[in-house]
Amino acid sequence: MKKLMVATALVLAGVGTVAAPAPVLARSTTSGAASSLVTAAGGEAAVVKCQTRSIKSPANGRYVSAEFGWSGDKYGMLRARATKVGPWERFSICYNGRNYTIKSLANGKYVSAEFGWSGGDHGMLRARASSAGTWERFHIASCGTGCVSIRNLAVPSRNYVSAELGNKGDKYGMLRARGSKVGPWEKFRVQ
């Protein structure tokens, strides 16, 4: 277990890779980390480890923002387009022993992969959920040195999160849970 924790810290620092599936962000001794007790299934207490992080798309070199300057269906939309980390680019990423949740620190809402939309908005990620349900649960795994993939756990899609860099205008860099495999747009750095 100690080797796993060290390997996890190396992945977060961008130094190494993890060969076995591991909780990539479960280490609670790094800066910005916090733990809290929650009631797990069956009534026992489980420790949830949370870390304050930014998320960056290596494909365009931009940070992911939860955008709150929009109204309506674009409010809280996640896009990889910021050149620096500010309040909209800070997230609390929590691991509960089975999966991750991502919460925007700017508005305190969970990030959802929204599958109720059709067309180009299907699976869009937005920070607007008050609680963590199926659409708000993710699997984060190493995909190489300093690289992670983010996969939504909603059935039946279970798709990887993509930074949509082929879009133009206000949808450029929009994050959507739509990838069937990890390619350049499905790779992220959690810093």
C-alpha atoms as a PDB file:
ATOM      1  CA  MET A   1       0.000   0.000   0.000  1.00  0.00           C
ATOM      2  CA  LYS A   2       2.867   2.360   0.799  1.00  0.00           C
ATOM      3  CA  LYS A   3       4.341   1.820  -2.699  1.00  0.00           C
ATOM      4  CA  LEU A   4       0.934   2.577  -4.205  1.00  0.00           C
ATOM      5  CA  MET A   5       0.704   5.852  -2.266  1.00  0.00           C
ATOM      6  CA  VAL A   6       4.200   6.868  -3.409  1.00  0.00           C
ATOM      7  CA  ALA A   7       3.377   5.979  -7.020  1.00  0.00           C
ATOM      8  CA  THR A   8       0.164   8.018  -6.780  1.00  0.00           C
ATOM      9  CA  ALA A   9       2.110  11.023  -5.518  1.00  0.00           C
ATOM     10  CA  LEU A  10       4.527  10.648  -8.436  1.00  0.00           C
ATOM     11  CA  VAL A  11       1.646  10.623 -10.939  1.00  0.00           C
ATOM     12  CA  LEU A  12       0.223  13.796  -9.402  1.00  0.00           C
ATOM     13  CA  ALA A  13       3.640  15.417  -9.594  1.00  0.00           C
ATOM     14  CA  GLY A  14       4.050  14.333 -13.218  1.00  0.00           C
ATOM     15  CA  VAL A  15       7.089  12.198 -12.419  1.00  0.00           C
ATOM     16  CA  GLY A  16       6.001   8.608 -12.986  1.00  0.00           C
ATOM     17  CA  THR A  17       3.278   6.231 -13.963  1.00  0.00           C
ATOM     18  CA  VAL A  18       1.170   3.716 -12.099  1.00  0.00           C
ATOM     19  CA  ALA A  19       1.124   0.232 -13.600  1.00  0.00           C
ATOM     20  CA  ALA A  20      -1.831  -1.106 -11.602  1.00  0.00           C
ATOM     21  CA  PRO A  21      -5.235   0.595 -11.426  1.00  0.00           C
ATOM     22  CA  ALA A  22      -5.017   2.919  -8.466  1.00  0.00           C
ATOM     23  CA  PRO A  23      -6.870   5.808  -6.929  1.00  0.00           C
ATOM     24  CA  VAL A  24      -4.911   8.553  -8.677  1.00  0.00           C
ATOM     25  CA  LEU A  25      -5.865  11.341  -6.304  1.00  0.00           C
ATOM     26  CA  ALA A  26      -6.454   9.442  -3.048  1.00  0.00           C
ATOM     27  CA  ARG A  27      -3.367  10.694  -1.233  1.00  0.00           C
ATOM     28  CA  SER A  28      -4.325  13.052   1.595  1.00  0.00           C
ATOM     29  CA  THR A  29      -0.879  14.350   2.546  1.00  0.00           C
ATOM     30  CA  THR A  30      -0.359  16.746  -0.370  1.00  0.00           C
ATOM     31  CA  SER A  31      -1.124  20.443  -0.037  1.00  0.00           C
ATOM     32  CA  GLY A  32      -4.762  21.378  -0.371  1.00  0.00           C
ATOM     33  CA  ALA A  33      -5.940  17.973   0.765  1.00  0.00           C
ATOM     34  CA  ALA A  34      -8.729  17.353   3.212  1.00  0.00           C
ATOM     35  CA  SER A  35     -10.569  14.313   4.507  1.00  0.00           C
ATOM     36  CA  SER A  36     -14.068  13.932   5.838  1.00  0.00           C
ATOM     37  CA  LEU A  37     -16.195  11.039   7.053  1.00  0.00           C
ATOM     38  CA  VAL A  38     -19.279  10.040   5.135  1.00  0.00           C
ATOM     39  CA  THR A  39     -21.692   7.170   5.602  1.00  0.00           C
ATOM     40  CA  ALA A  40     -21.002   4.473   3.050  1.00  0.00           C
ATOM     41  CA  ALA A  41     -23.423   1.813   1.849  1.00  0.00           C
ATOM     42  CA  GLY A  42     -24.176  -0.482   4.758  1.00  0.00           C
ATOM     43  CA  GLY A  43     -23.915   2.335   7.310  1.00  0.00           C
ATOM     44  CA  GLU A  44     -20.166   2.141   8.017  1.00  0.00           C
ATOM     45  CA  ALA A  45     -18.085   5.312   7.963  1.00  0.00           C
ATOM     46  CA  ALA A  46     -15.760   5.796   4.998  1.00  0.00           C
ATOM     47  CA  VAL A  47     -13.060   8.410   4.632  1.00  0.00           C
ATOM     48  CA  VAL A  48     -13.478  10.663   1.619  1.00  0.00           C
ATOM     49  CA  LYS A  49     -10.243  12.267   0.523  1.00  0.00           C
ATOM     50  CA  CYS A  50     -10.518  15.608  -1.258  1.00  0.00           C
ATOM     51  CA  GLN A  51      -7.886  17.718  -2.947  1.00  0.00           C
ATOM     52  CA  THR A  52      -8.038  21.180  -4.431  1.00  0.00           C
ATOM     53  CA  ARG A  53      -6.716  20.937  -7.987  1.00  0.00           C
ATOM     54  CA  SER A  54      -6.777  22.503 -11.416  1.00  0.00           C
ATOM     55  CA  ILE A  55      -7.312  20.461 -14.571  1.00  0.00           C
ATOM     56  CA  LYS A  56      -5.380  21.145 -17.768  1.00  0.00           C
ATOM     57  CA  SER A  57      -5.765  19.833 -21.313  1.00  0.00           C
ATOM     58  CA  PRO A  58      -2.315  19.058 -22.758  1.00  0.00           C
ATOM     59  CA  ALA A  59      -3.874  19.030 -26.253  1.00  0.00           C
ATOM     60  CA  ASN A  60      -4.250  22.826 -26.221  1.00  0.00           C
ATOM     61  CA  GLY A  61      -2.292  23.752 -23.069  1.00  0.00           C
ATOM     62  CA  ARG A  62      -5.354  25.376 -21.460  1.00  0.00           C
ATOM     63  CA  TYR A  63      -6.893  25.022 -18.008  1.00  0.00           C
ATOM     64  CA  VAL A  64     -10.456  23.795 -17.530  1.00  0.00           C
ATOM     65  CA  SER A  65     -12.866  26.503 -16.341  1.00  0.00           C
ATOM     66  CA  ALA A  66     -16.358  26.181 -14.929  1.00  0.00           C
ATOM     67  CA  GLU A  67     -17.842  29.165 -16.724  1.00  0.00           C
ATOM     68  CA  PHE A  68     -20.313  31.188 -14.708  1.00  0.00           C
ATOM     69  CA  GLY A  69     -20.580  34.232 -16.987  1.00  0.00           C
ATOM     70  CA  TRP A  70     -23.257  32.491 -19.041  1.00  0.00           C
ATOM     71  CA  SER A  71     -26.948  32.127 -18.305  1.00  0.00           C
ATOM     72  CA  GLY A  72     -29.354  29.343 -19.229  1.00  0.00           C
ATOM     73  CA  ASP A  73     -28.028  26.077 -20.623  1.00  0.00           C
ATOM     74  CA  LYS A  74     -24.405  27.284 -20.739  1.00  0.00           C
ATOM     75  CA  TYR A  75     -24.170  28.278 -17.061  1.00  0.00           C
ATOM     76  CA  GLY A  76     -21.390  26.314 -15.378  1.00  0.00           C
ATOM     77  CA  MET A  77     -20.227  24.678 -18.634  1.00  0.00           C
ATOM     78  CA  LEU A  78     -16.696  23.266 -18.380  1.00  0.00           C
ATOM     79  CA  ARG A  79     -14.296  24.385 -21.101  1.00  0.00           C
ATOM     80  CA  ALA A  80     -10.545  23.967 -21.580  1.00  0.00           C
ATOM     81  CA  ARG A  81      -9.672  27.532 -22.522  1.00  0.00           C
ATOM     82  CA  ALA A  82      -8.126  29.448 -19.585  1.00  0.00           C
ATOM     83  CA  THR A  83      -4.480  30.524 -19.792  1.00  0.00           C
ATOM     84  CA  LYS A  84      -4.050  30.738 -16.009  1.00  0.00           C
ATOM     85  CA  VAL A  85      -5.651  29.401 -12.845  1.00  0.00           C
ATOM     86  CA  GLY A  86      -8.217  31.651 -11.211  1.00  0.00           C
ATOM     87  CA  PRO A  87     -11.365  30.993  -9.130  1.00  0.00           C
ATOM     88  CA  TRP A  88     -13.237  29.318 -12.015  1.00  0.00           C
ATOM     89  CA  GLU A  89     -10.323  26.880 -12.549  1.00  0.00           C
ATOM     90  CA  ARG A  90     -10.213  25.427  -9.021  1.00  0.00           C
ATOM     91  CA  PHE A  91     -11.948  22.149  -8.242  1.00  0.00           C
ATOM     92  CA  SER A  92     -12.312  19.897  -5.224  1.00  0.00           C
ATOM     93  CA  ILE A  93     -11.682  16.357  -6.435  1.00  0.00           C
ATOM     94  CA  CYS A  94     -12.829  13.750  -3.916  1.00  0.00           C
ATOM     95  CA  TYR A  95     -12.250   9.985  -3.808  1.00  0.00           C
ATOM     96  CA  ASN A  96     -14.619   7.833  -1.739  1.00  0.00           C
ATOM     97  CA  GLY A  97     -12.914   4.465  -2.195  1.00  0.00           C
ATOM     98  CA  ARG A  98     -14.854   3.595  -5.354  1.00  0.00           C
ATOM     99  CA  ASN A  99     -15.087   6.686  -7.556  1.00  0.00           C
ATOM    100  CA  TYR A 100     -14.433  10.414  -7.766  1.00  0.00           C
ATOM    101  CA  THR A 101     -16.569  13.507  -7.640  1.00  0.00           C
ATOM    102  CA  ILE A 102     -15.479  16.881  -8.964  1.00  0.00           C
ATOM    103  CA  LYS A 103     -16.865  20.061  -7.415  1.00  0.00           C
ATOM    104  CA  SER A 104     -16.319  23.626  -8.560  1.00  0.00           C
ATOM    105  CA  LEU A 105     -14.957  25.743  -5.729  1.00  0.00           C
ATOM    106  CA  ALA A 106     -16.367  28.891  -7.385  1.00  0.00           C
ATOM    107  CA  ASN A 107     -20.020  27.899  -6.859  1.00  0.00           C
ATOM    108  CA  GLY A 108     -19.806  24.775  -4.656  1.00  0.00           C
ATOM    109  CA  LYS A 109     -21.662  22.608  -7.195  1.00  0.00           C
ATOM    110  CA  TYR A 110     -20.772  19.128  -8.437  1.00  0.00           C
ATOM    111  CA  VAL A 111     -19.724  18.591 -12.031  1.00  0.00           C
ATOM    112  CA  SER A 112     -22.276  16.557 -14.013  1.00  0.00           C
ATOM    113  CA  ALA A 113     -21.998  14.818 -17.365  1.00  0.00           C
ATOM    114  CA  GLU A 114     -25.416  15.845 -18.653  1.00  0.00           C
ATOM    115  CA  PHE A 115     -26.968  13.142 -20.785  1.00  0.00           C
ATOM    116  CA  GLY A 116     -30.405  14.788 -21.012  1.00  0.00           C
ATOM    117  CA  TRP A 117     -29.218  16.978 -23.889  1.00  0.00           C
ATOM    118  CA  SER A 118     -29.140  15.856 -27.509  1.00  0.00           C
ATOM    119  CA  GLY A 119     -26.766  16.592 -30.368  1.00  0.00           C
ATOM    120  CA  GLY A 120     -23.571  18.535 -29.662  1.00  0.00           C
ATOM    121  CA  ASP A 121     -24.511  19.129 -26.010  1.00  0.00           C
ATOM    122  CA  HIS A 122     -25.083  15.450 -25.139  1.00  0.00           C
ATOM    123  CA  GLY A 123     -22.736  14.552 -22.257  1.00  0.00           C
ATOM    124  CA  MET A 124     -21.687  18.177 -21.685  1.00  0.00           C
ATOM    125  CA  LEU A 125     -19.956  18.726 -18.329  1.00  0.00           C
ATOM    126  CA  ARG A 126     -21.434  21.482 -16.160  1.00  0.00           C
ATOM    127  CA  ALA A 127     -20.922  22.484 -12.531  1.00  0.00           C
ATOM    128  CA  ARG A 128     -24.484  22.789 -11.310  1.00  0.00           C
ATOM    129  CA  ALA A 129     -25.518  19.710  -9.291  1.00  0.00           C
ATOM    130  CA  SER A 130     -26.310  20.063  -5.584  1.00  0.00           C
ATOM    131  CA  SER A 131     -25.613  16.401  -4.835  1.00  0.00           C
ATOM    132  CA  ALA A 132     -23.582  13.596  -6.369  1.00  0.00           C
ATOM    133  CA  GLY A 133     -25.676  11.103  -8.320  1.00  0.00           C
ATOM    134  CA  THR A 134     -24.790   8.847 -11.246  1.00  0.00           C
ATOM    135  CA  TRP A 135     -23.997  11.694 -13.652  1.00  0.00           C
ATOM    136  CA  GLU A 136     -21.593  13.191 -11.065  1.00  0.00           C
ATOM    137  CA  ARG A 137     -19.413  10.097 -10.548  1.00  0.00           C
ATOM    138  CA  PHE A 138     -16.153   9.612 -12.406  1.00  0.00           C
ATOM    139  CA  HIS A 139     -13.235   7.216 -12.683  1.00  0.00           C
ATOM    140  CA  ILE A 140      -9.849   8.938 -12.915  1.00  0.00           C
ATOM    141  CA  ALA A 141      -6.944   6.771 -14.067  1.00  0.00           C
ATOM    142  CA  SER A 142      -3.347   7.227 -15.125  1.00  0.00           C
ATOM    143  CA  CYS A 143      -2.749   7.317 -18.886  1.00  0.00           C
ATOM    144  CA  GLY A 144       1.008   7.933 -18.747  1.00  0.00           C
ATOM    145  CA  THR A 145       3.498  10.250 -17.118  1.00  0.00           C
ATOM    146  CA  GLY A 146       1.557  13.091 -15.507  1.00  0.00           C
ATOM    147  CA  CYS A 147      -1.513  12.177 -17.558  1.00  0.00           C
ATOM    148  CA  VAL A 148      -4.972  11.107 -16.408  1.00  0.00           C
ATOM    149  CA  SER A 149      -8.132  10.100 -18.189  1.00  0.00           C
ATOM    150  CA  ILE A 150     -11.534  10.966 -16.723  1.00  0.00           C
ATOM    151  CA  ARG A 151     -14.409   8.593 -17.396  1.00  0.00           C
ATOM    152  CA  ASN A 152     -18.023   9.174 -16.422  1.00  0.00           C
ATOM    153  CA  LEU A 153     -19.589   6.179 -14.701  1.00  0.00           C
ATOM    154  CA  ALA A 154     -23.176   6.681 -15.900  1.00  0.00           C
ATOM    155  CA  VAL A 155     -24.599   3.595 -17.564  1.00  0.00           C
ATOM    156  CA  PRO A 156     -24.833   2.871 -20.446  1.00  0.00           C
ATOM    157  CA  SER A 157     -22.356   5.468 -21.772  1.00  0.00           C
ATOM    158  CA  ARG A 158     -19.367   5.214 -19.374  1.00  0.00           C
ATOM    159  CA  ASN A 159     -17.539   7.478 -21.826  1.00  0.00           C
ATOM    160  CA  TYR A 160     -14.254   9.285 -21.427  1.00  0.00           C
ATOM    161  CA  VAL A 161     -14.325  13.050 -20.991  1.00  0.00           C
ATOM    162  CA  SER A 162     -13.111  14.903 -24.090  1.00  0.00           C
ATOM    163  CA  ALA A 163     -12.007  18.518 -24.492  1.00  0.00           C
ATOM    164  CA  GLU A 164     -13.811  19.355 -27.739  1.00  0.00           C
ATOM    165  CA  LEU A 165     -11.075  21.301 -29.543  1.00  0.00           C
ATOM    166  CA  GLY A 166     -12.733  20.998 -32.958  1.00  0.00           C
ATOM    167  CA  ASN A 167     -15.608  23.250 -31.894  1.00  0.00           C
ATOM    168  CA  LYS A 168     -15.679  26.956 -32.726  1.00  0.00           C
ATOM    169  CA  GLY A 169     -16.833  30.011 -30.795  1.00  0.00           C
ATOM    170  CA  ASP A 170     -18.486  29.577 -27.399  1.00  0.00           C
ATOM    171  CA  LYS A 171     -18.214  25.767 -27.596  1.00  0.00           C
ATOM    172  CA  TYR A 172     -14.455  25.658 -28.199  1.00  0.00           C
ATOM    173  CA  GLY A 173     -12.850  23.407 -25.596  1.00  0.00           C
ATOM    174  CA  MET A 174     -16.204  22.291 -24.133  1.00  0.00           C
ATOM    175  CA  LEU A 175     -15.831  19.151 -22.014  1.00  0.00           C
ATOM    176  CA  ARG A 176     -18.144  16.276 -22.926  1.00  0.00           C
ATOM    177  CA  ALA A 177     -18.325  12.654 -21.789  1.00  0.00           C
ATOM    178  CA  ARG A 178     -18.331  11.119 -25.249  1.00  0.00           C
ATOM    179  CA  GLY A 179     -14.974   9.457 -25.945  1.00  0.00           C
ATOM    180  CA  SER A 180     -14.919   5.695 -26.460  1.00  0.00           C
ATOM    181  CA  LYS A 181     -11.135   5.540 -26.016  1.00  0.00           C
ATOM    182  CA  VAL A 182      -8.319   7.749 -24.759  1.00  0.00           C
ATOM    183  CA  GLY A 183      -6.915   9.972 -27.498  1.00  0.00           C
ATOM    184  CA  PRO A 184      -5.285  13.428 -27.339  1.00  0.00           C
ATOM    185  CA  TRP A 185      -8.538  15.187 -26.388  1.00  0.00           C
ATOM    186  CA  GLU A 186      -9.196  12.693 -23.536  1.00  0.00           C
ATOM    187  CA  LYS A 187      -5.908  13.319 -21.715  1.00  0.00           C
ATOM    188  CA  PHE A 188      -5.666  15.742 -18.805  1.00  0.00           C
ATOM    189  CA  ARG A 189      -3.195  16.903 -16.201  1.00  0.00           C
ATOM    190  CA  VAL A 190      -4.443  17.357 -12.650  1.00  0.00           C
ATOM    191  CA  GLN A 191      -2.234  19.907 -10.901  1.00  0.00           C
END
